[in-house]
Protein backbone atom coordinates (compact mmCIF):
# COMPACT_ATOMS: atom_id res chain seq x y z
CA MET A 1 6.19 -28.00 1.53
CA LYS A 2 5.81 -28.10 -2.23
CA GLU A 3 8.91 -29.35 -4.08
CA THR A 4 10.22 -26.81 -6.57
CA LYS A 5 12.87 -27.38 -9.21
CA LEU A 6 14.63 -24.74 -11.26
CA THR A 7 17.45 -24.91 -13.83
CA ALA A 8 20.16 -22.26 -13.94
CA LYS A 9 23.36 -21.47 -15.81
CA THR A 10 26.55 -20.00 -14.44
CA ARG A 11 27.26 -16.36 -15.24
CA ALA A 12 30.73 -14.97 -15.91
CA GLU A 13 30.01 -11.39 -16.98
CA LYS A 14 29.03 -8.77 -14.40
CA GLY A 15 27.91 -5.15 -14.46
CA SER A 16 24.77 -3.30 -15.54
CA ALA A 17 25.62 -3.39 -19.25
CA SER A 18 26.01 -7.17 -19.35
CA ALA A 19 22.89 -7.57 -17.19
CA GLY A 20 20.91 -5.48 -19.68
CA ARG A 21 22.12 -7.59 -22.61
CA LEU A 22 21.23 -10.74 -20.69
CA ARG A 23 17.67 -9.56 -19.97
CA ARG A 24 17.09 -8.86 -23.65
CA THR A 25 17.67 -12.57 -24.34
CA GLY A 26 14.90 -13.66 -21.93
CA TRP A 27 17.26 -14.42 -19.02
CA PHE A 28 18.17 -12.37 -15.95
CA PRO A 29 21.01 -12.35 -13.38
CA ALA A 30 20.81 -13.98 -9.95
CA VAL A 31 23.17 -14.95 -7.15
CA VAL A 32 23.31 -17.80 -4.63
CA TYR A 33 24.88 -16.96 -1.27
CA GLY A 34 26.19 -19.58 1.12
CA GLU A 35 27.74 -19.56 4.56
CA GLY A 36 31.51 -19.43 4.38
CA ARG A 37 31.82 -19.05 0.61
CA PRO A 38 31.51 -16.26 -1.96
CA GLY A 39 28.28 -15.82 -3.88
CA LEU A 40 27.70 -17.96 -6.97
CA ASP A 41 26.66 -15.85 -9.96
CA ILE A 42 23.99 -17.53 -12.07
CA GLN A 43 21.39 -16.68 -14.70
CA LEU A 44 17.75 -17.80 -14.84
CA ASN A 45 15.22 -18.10 -17.61
CA GLU A 46 12.60 -15.41 -16.97
CA HIS A 47 9.64 -17.44 -18.31
CA ASP A 48 10.51 -20.53 -16.24
CA PHE A 49 10.98 -18.45 -13.09
CA VAL A 50 7.67 -16.59 -13.48
CA VAL A 51 5.81 -19.87 -14.10
CA MET A 52 7.36 -21.28 -10.91
CA LEU A 53 6.25 -18.23 -8.89
CA ARG A 54 2.66 -18.65 -10.08
CA THR A 55 2.45 -22.04 -8.39
CA HIS A 56 3.12 -20.43 -4.98
CA ARG A 57 0.91 -18.08 -2.98
CA SER A 58 3.90 -16.57 -1.16
CA GLU A 59 7.63 -16.21 -1.69
CA ASN A 60 8.47 -18.70 1.08
CA MET A 61 9.98 -21.58 -0.85
CA ILE A 62 12.97 -23.89 -1.02
CA VAL A 63 14.22 -24.44 -4.57
CA ASP A 64 16.20 -27.39 -5.92
CA LEU A 65 18.52 -25.27 -8.03
CA ALA A 66 20.16 -27.38 -10.75
CA VAL A 67 23.14 -25.30 -11.91
CA GLU A 68 24.66 -26.29 -15.23
CA GLY A 69 28.04 -27.95 -14.70
CA ARG A 70 27.40 -28.97 -11.05
CA GLU A 71 26.67 -32.58 -10.14
CA GLN A 72 24.26 -31.96 -7.27
CA PRO A 73 21.44 -29.38 -7.16
CA LEU A 74 21.62 -26.70 -4.50
CA LYS A 75 18.94 -26.42 -1.82
CA ALA A 76 18.32 -22.69 -1.84
CA MET A 77 15.79 -20.37 -0.24
CA LEU A 78 14.41 -17.42 -2.17
CA LYS A 79 15.55 -14.37 -0.18
CA ALA A 80 14.92 -11.29 -2.31
CA MET A 81 13.58 -10.20 -5.70
CA GLN A 82 14.14 -6.96 -7.55
CA HIS A 83 11.49 -5.72 -10.00
CA HIS A 84 11.70 -3.14 -12.75
CA PRO A 85 10.00 0.03 -11.40
CA LEU A 86 7.92 0.56 -14.58
CA THR A 87 7.30 -2.87 -16.11
CA GLY A 88 7.28 -4.92 -12.91
CA ARG A 89 9.43 -7.60 -14.54
CA VAL A 90 11.85 -9.54 -12.32
CA ILE A 91 15.36 -8.20 -12.95
CA HIS A 92 17.41 -9.87 -10.18
CA VAL A 93 17.00 -12.59 -7.54
CA ASP A 94 18.97 -13.50 -4.42
CA PHE A 95 19.01 -17.09 -3.12
CA TYR A 96 20.56 -18.42 0.08
CA GLU A 97 21.83 -21.99 0.27
CA VAL A 98 20.34 -23.84 3.25
CA SER A 99 20.86 -27.03 5.18
CA MET A 100 17.69 -29.09 5.57
CA THR A 101 18.76 -29.94 9.14
CA ARG A 102 19.39 -26.36 10.31
CA LYS A 103 16.53 -24.09 11.41
CA ILE A 104 15.89 -20.79 9.66
CA GLU A 105 13.89 -17.67 10.49
CA ILE A 106 11.14 -16.62 8.09
CA GLU A 107 8.04 -14.43 7.95
CA VAL A 108 4.81 -16.30 7.18
CA PRO A 109 1.67 -14.46 5.99
CA VAL A 110 -1.46 -14.75 8.13
CA LYS A 111 -4.68 -15.39 6.19
CA LEU A 112 -7.95 -14.43 7.88
CA VAL A 113 -10.70 -17.01 7.29
CA GLY A 114 -14.45 -16.52 7.70
CA VAL A 115 -16.74 -13.51 8.15
CA PRO A 116 -16.73 -12.11 11.72
CA THR A 117 -20.10 -12.06 13.45
CA GLY A 118 -19.21 -8.52 14.49
CA VAL A 119 -19.22 -7.55 10.82
CA ALA A 120 -22.15 -9.65 9.60
CA ASN A 121 -24.53 -9.00 12.52
CA GLU A 122 -23.23 -5.97 14.41
CA GLY A 123 -22.12 -3.62 11.64
CA GLY A 124 -18.48 -3.63 12.71
CA ILE A 125 -15.38 -3.23 10.55
CA LEU A 126 -12.72 -5.96 10.31
CA GLU A 127 -9.16 -4.70 10.76
CA HIS A 128 -6.23 -6.92 9.71
CA VAL A 129 -3.49 -5.42 11.90
CA LEU A 130 -0.58 -7.89 11.71
CA ARG A 131 -0.17 -9.61 8.36
CA THR A 132 2.89 -11.84 8.96
CA LEU A 133 4.30 -13.95 11.80
CA GLU A 134 8.02 -14.33 12.33
CA VAL A 135 8.83 -17.97 13.08
CA GLN A 136 11.79 -20.32 13.31
CA CYS A 137 11.57 -23.74 11.65
CA LEU A 138 13.38 -26.28 9.51
CA PRO A 139 13.42 -25.54 5.77
CA GLY A 140 11.31 -28.62 5.09
CA ASP A 141 8.54 -27.30 7.36
CA MET A 142 8.13 -23.96 5.54
CA VAL A 143 4.52 -23.07 4.79
CA GLU A 144 3.03 -20.39 2.56
CA GLU A 145 0.59 -19.06 5.18
CA PHE A 146 -1.06 -19.58 8.56
CA GLU A 147 -4.87 -19.45 8.71
CA LEU A 148 -6.73 -17.64 11.48
CA ASN A 149 -10.50 -18.14 11.80
CA VAL A 150 -12.21 -14.84 12.67
CA ALA A 151 -15.86 -16.01 12.41
CA ASP A 152 -16.53 -15.70 16.17
CA LEU A 153 -15.03 -12.22 16.48
CA HIS A 154 -17.47 -9.64 17.91
CA VAL A 155 -17.27 -5.84 17.83
CA GLY A 156 -14.57 -4.61 20.21
CA LYS A 157 -12.84 -8.01 20.35
CA THR A 158 -9.37 -8.95 19.09
CA LEU A 159 -7.32 -11.98 18.13
CA ARG A 160 -3.62 -11.94 18.95
CA VAL A 161 -0.48 -13.77 17.85
CA ARG A 162 -1.03 -16.39 20.56
CA ASP A 163 -4.44 -17.16 19.00
CA VAL A 164 -2.98 -18.18 15.62
CA PRO A 165 -2.99 -22.00 15.42
CA VAL A 166 0.65 -23.00 15.00
CA ASP A 167 2.19 -26.47 15.43
CA ALA A 168 4.56 -25.86 18.34
CA ALA A 169 6.50 -29.02 17.47
CA LYS A 170 7.55 -27.49 14.15
CA TYR A 171 7.47 -23.73 14.65
CA LYS A 172 8.86 -21.42 17.28
CA VAL A 173 6.93 -18.15 17.09
CA LEU A 174 9.25 -15.15 17.45
CA SER A 175 6.59 -12.44 17.16
CA ASP A 176 5.21 -10.85 20.35
CA PRO A 177 2.37 -13.13 21.54
CA ASP A 178 0.34 -10.10 22.66
CA GLN A 179 0.52 -8.38 19.27
CA VAL A 180 -2.97 -7.89 17.79
CA VAL A 181 -3.50 -9.73 14.50
CA ALA A 182 -7.17 -8.96 13.82
CA ALA A 183 -9.89 -6.87 15.42
CA VAL A 184 -13.46 -5.79 14.75
CA ALA A 185 -13.92 -2.08 15.31
CA ALA A 186 -17.26 -0.45 16.06
CA PRO A 187 -18.80 1.48 13.17
CA ARG A 188 -18.62 5.28 13.30
CA THR A 189 -21.65 7.07 14.65
CA GLU A 190 -23.31 9.85 12.65
CA GLU A 191 -21.71 12.41 14.97
CA GLU A 192 -18.24 10.90 14.43
CA GLU A 193 -18.73 10.81 10.66
CA LYS A 194 -19.87 14.44 10.71
CA ALA A 195 -16.95 15.50 12.91
CA ALA A 196 -14.46 13.70 10.64
CA THR A 197 -15.97 15.33 7.55
CA GLU A 198 -15.85 18.78 9.16
CA THR A 199 -12.22 18.24 10.20
CA GLU A 200 -11.21 17.22 6.68
CA ALA A 201 -13.10 20.19 5.19
CA ALA A 202 -11.46 22.57 7.63
CA ALA A 203 -7.99 21.19 6.90
CA GLY A 204 -8.29 21.80 3.14
CA PRO A 205 -8.71 25.61 3.02
CA GLU A 206 -5.96 26.10 5.62
CA VAL A 207 -3.43 24.48 3.34
CA LEU A 208 -4.63 26.50 0.36
CA THR A 209 -4.54 29.74 2.38
CA GLU A 210 -1.02 29.06 3.55
CA LYS A 211 0.00 28.34 -0.01
CA LYS A 212 -1.59 31.56 -1.26
CA GLU A 213 0.04 33.56 1.52
CA GLU A 214 3.43 32.05 0.64
CA GLU A 215 2.86 32.86 -3.02
CA GLY A 216 1.81 36.43 -2.06
CA GLU A 217 4.90 36.93 0.04
CA ALA A 218 7.09 35.54 -2.73
CA GLY A 219 5.38 37.87 -5.24
CA ALA A 220 5.91 40.86 -2.97
CA GLU A 221 9.59 40.05 -2.61
CA LYS A 222 9.93 39.75 -6.39
CA GLY A 223 8.17 43.11 -6.77
CA LYS A 224 10.60 44.78 -4.39
CA GLU A 225 13.57 43.31 -6.26
CA ALA A 226 12.12 44.44 -9.59
CA ALA A 227 11.62 47.98 -8.23
CA LYS A 228 15.19 48.12 -7.02
CA ALA A 229 16.62 47.01 -10.37
CA PRO A 230 15.74 50.15 -12.45
CA ALA A 231 17.02 52.42 -9.69
CA ALA A 232 20.31 50.53 -9.63
CA GLU A 233 20.58 50.79 -13.43
CA LYS A 234 19.99 54.60 -13.34
CA LYS A 235 22.63 54.98 -10.68
CA GLU A 236 25.14 53.04 -12.80
CA LYS A 237 24.37 55.25 -15.85
CA LYS A 238 25.04 58.43 -13.86
């Protein structure tokens, strides 16, 4: 596992207003949770944090978190990140303090390696069904991904969780061993392509017709109400 260091400052102010002011200075709020103690509110430099993320292919990482004013850095696992919905900038991070001798549960991405023979020679389509494995391991054994070689995969064949090469001495796989990870599907025949196209074409007008009918009914109702209104007004005048 790659060693990662990050410097942080303690944070006294809370609330959305103070968080907004903090972000305008190039820092953002974060919190470190720990078993049996309240969360520690901290602030991180946005540039330093983003640079750190770029050195990792996944978010599975243990950080040596040096908090200003504390003698020893905290060993913390990145648990969650919040991003701004428009800009995509990181606006908040949750860490969880870990013990390097206690096992944790994480999800590790599965990377497919190679070009399946079923795709290259048989015209099949590669389907990546399960993209992460849930495993239990020590923090020091965390990895960014597991690789699964799919080069020998033929059309109609699958690779399952039990086929992913995992060091059993380090990792206990919690995912269902029979869960399909990758498969090569047969290409559609001309008849299937034609049938799918006809189905999609048939589905379109139905939706439009229903919409027009709804609009027609709504218009008719409005017409009836409009016709009633003058009659009601004449009655009132009498």
